[in-house]
Amino acid sequence: MKAQVGDRLVLEGTHVGDPRRVGVVVGLRHEDGTPPYEVRWLDDGHAALIFPGPEARIESATTVDGSA
């Protein structure tokens, strides 16, 4: 998994009833775009360092904003 600043990190719920969480990648720890990522969650504005698991996916910023 690789990301760039501005991409969205989407975490699907792992249990029935768990909500989906969406955050914006605001920082990278590695120049090649590999985890961990600094993410600001859209639902509460909280920032966290995330090591995404198998329930996560990256949505490119260009796809999200319709530029591509």
C-alpha atoms as a PDB file:
ATOM      1  CA  MET A   1       0.000   0.000   0.000  1.00  0.00           C
ATOM      2  CA  LYS A   2       1.327   3.414  -0.961  1.00  0.00           C
ATOM      3  CA  ALA A   3      -0.140   6.854  -0.401  1.00  0.00           C
ATOM      4  CA  GLN A   4       0.580  10.510  -1.027  1.00  0.00           C
ATOM      5  CA  VAL A   5      -0.341  13.518   1.084  1.00  0.00           C
ATOM      6  CA  GLY A   6      -3.945  14.403   0.248  1.00  0.00           C
ATOM      7  CA  ASP A   7      -5.060  10.819  -0.450  1.00  0.00           C
ATOM      8  CA  ARG A   8      -7.889   9.368   1.593  1.00  0.00           C
ATOM      9  CA  LEU A   9      -7.475   6.367   3.850  1.00  0.00           C
ATOM     10  CA  VAL A  10     -10.699   4.382   4.130  1.00  0.00           C
ATOM     11  CA  LEU A  11     -11.084   1.865   6.952  1.00  0.00           C
ATOM     12  CA  GLU A  12     -13.978  -0.540   6.573  1.00  0.00           C
ATOM     13  CA  GLY A  13     -15.592  -1.830   9.758  1.00  0.00           C
ATOM     14  CA  THR A  14     -14.357  -5.258  10.781  1.00  0.00           C
ATOM     15  CA  HIS A  15     -17.546  -6.281  12.609  1.00  0.00           C
ATOM     16  CA  VAL A  16     -21.228  -5.980  11.739  1.00  0.00           C
ATOM     17  CA  GLY A  17     -22.351  -2.479  12.660  1.00  0.00           C
ATOM     18  CA  ASP A  18     -18.850  -0.983  12.739  1.00  0.00           C
ATOM     19  CA  PRO A  19     -18.789   2.335  10.879  1.00  0.00           C
ATOM     20  CA  ARG A  20     -16.493   3.110   7.966  1.00  0.00           C
ATOM     21  CA  ARG A  21     -13.858   5.730   8.835  1.00  0.00           C
ATOM     22  CA  VAL A  22     -12.361   8.085   6.299  1.00  0.00           C
ATOM     23  CA  GLY A  23      -9.320  10.229   6.860  1.00  0.00           C
ATOM     24  CA  VAL A  24      -7.000  12.402   4.802  1.00  0.00           C
ATOM     25  CA  VAL A  25      -3.303  11.556   4.707  1.00  0.00           C
ATOM     26  CA  VAL A  26      -1.576  14.674   6.053  1.00  0.00           C
ATOM     27  CA  GLY A  27       1.935  13.282   6.482  1.00  0.00           C
ATOM     28  CA  LEU A  28       4.203  10.460   5.430  1.00  0.00           C
ATOM     29  CA  ARG A  29       7.005   8.860   7.418  1.00  0.00           C
ATOM     30  CA  HIS A  30       8.620   7.293   4.319  1.00  0.00           C
ATOM     31  CA  GLU A  31       9.353   9.025   1.013  1.00  0.00           C
ATOM     32  CA  ASP A  32       8.173   5.958  -0.949  1.00  0.00           C
ATOM     33  CA  GLY A  33       4.611   6.335   0.404  1.00  0.00           C
ATOM     34  CA  THR A  34       4.567   3.199   2.545  1.00  0.00           C
ATOM     35  CA  PRO A  35       2.969   3.121   6.019  1.00  0.00           C
ATOM     36  CA  PRO A  36       2.693   4.432   8.620  1.00  0.00           C
ATOM     37  CA  TYR A  37       0.639   7.477   7.673  1.00  0.00           C
ATOM     38  CA  GLU A  38      -0.317  10.592   9.596  1.00  0.00           C
ATOM     39  CA  VAL A  39      -4.084  10.835   9.065  1.00  0.00           C
ATOM     40  CA  ARG A  40      -6.680  13.451  10.030  1.00  0.00           C
ATOM     41  CA  TRP A  41     -10.085  11.780  10.454  1.00  0.00           C
ATOM     42  CA  LEU A  42     -12.965  13.542   8.711  1.00  0.00           C
ATOM     43  CA  ASP A  43     -15.571  12.590  11.339  1.00  0.00           C
ATOM     44  CA  ASP A  44     -13.896  14.213  14.351  1.00  0.00           C
ATOM     45  CA  GLY A  45     -10.778  16.049  13.114  1.00  0.00           C
ATOM     46  CA  HIS A  46      -8.499  13.910  15.295  1.00  0.00           C
ATOM     47  CA  ALA A  47      -5.013  13.269  13.886  1.00  0.00           C
ATOM     48  CA  ALA A  48      -3.300   9.913  14.368  1.00  0.00           C
ATOM     49  CA  LEU A  49      -0.381   7.831  13.186  1.00  0.00           C
ATOM     50  CA  ILE A  50      -1.880   4.829  11.372  1.00  0.00           C
ATOM     51  CA  PHE A  51      -0.432   1.469  10.404  1.00  0.00           C
ATOM     52  CA  PRO A  52      -3.290   0.329   8.110  1.00  0.00           C
ATOM     53  CA  GLY A  53      -4.429  -3.289   8.159  1.00  0.00           C
ATOM     54  CA  PRO A  54      -6.206  -5.475   5.600  1.00  0.00           C
ATOM     55  CA  GLU A  55      -9.511  -3.613   6.047  1.00  0.00           C
ATOM     56  CA  ALA A  56      -7.946  -0.377   4.746  1.00  0.00           C
ATOM     57  CA  ARG A  57      -7.620   1.069   1.267  1.00  0.00           C
ATOM     58  CA  ILE A  58      -6.191   4.243  -0.230  1.00  0.00           C
ATOM     59  CA  GLU A  59      -8.246   6.475  -2.524  1.00  0.00           C
ATOM     60  CA  SER A  60      -6.089   8.767  -4.617  1.00  0.00           C
ATOM     61  CA  ALA A  61      -6.658  12.484  -4.118  1.00  0.00           C
ATOM     62  CA  THR A  62      -7.042  12.887  -7.872  1.00  0.00           C
ATOM     63  CA  THR A  63      -9.831  10.295  -7.924  1.00  0.00           C
ATOM     64  CA  VAL A  64     -11.577  11.794  -4.891  1.00  0.00           C
ATOM     65  CA  ASP A  65     -11.667  15.374  -6.188  1.00  0.00           C
ATOM     66  CA  GLY A  66     -12.521  14.383  -9.772  1.00  0.00           C
ATOM     67  CA  SER A  67      -9.328  15.737 -11.343  1.00  0.00           C
ATOM     68  CA  ALA A  68      -8.356  12.461 -12.996  1.00  0.00           C
END
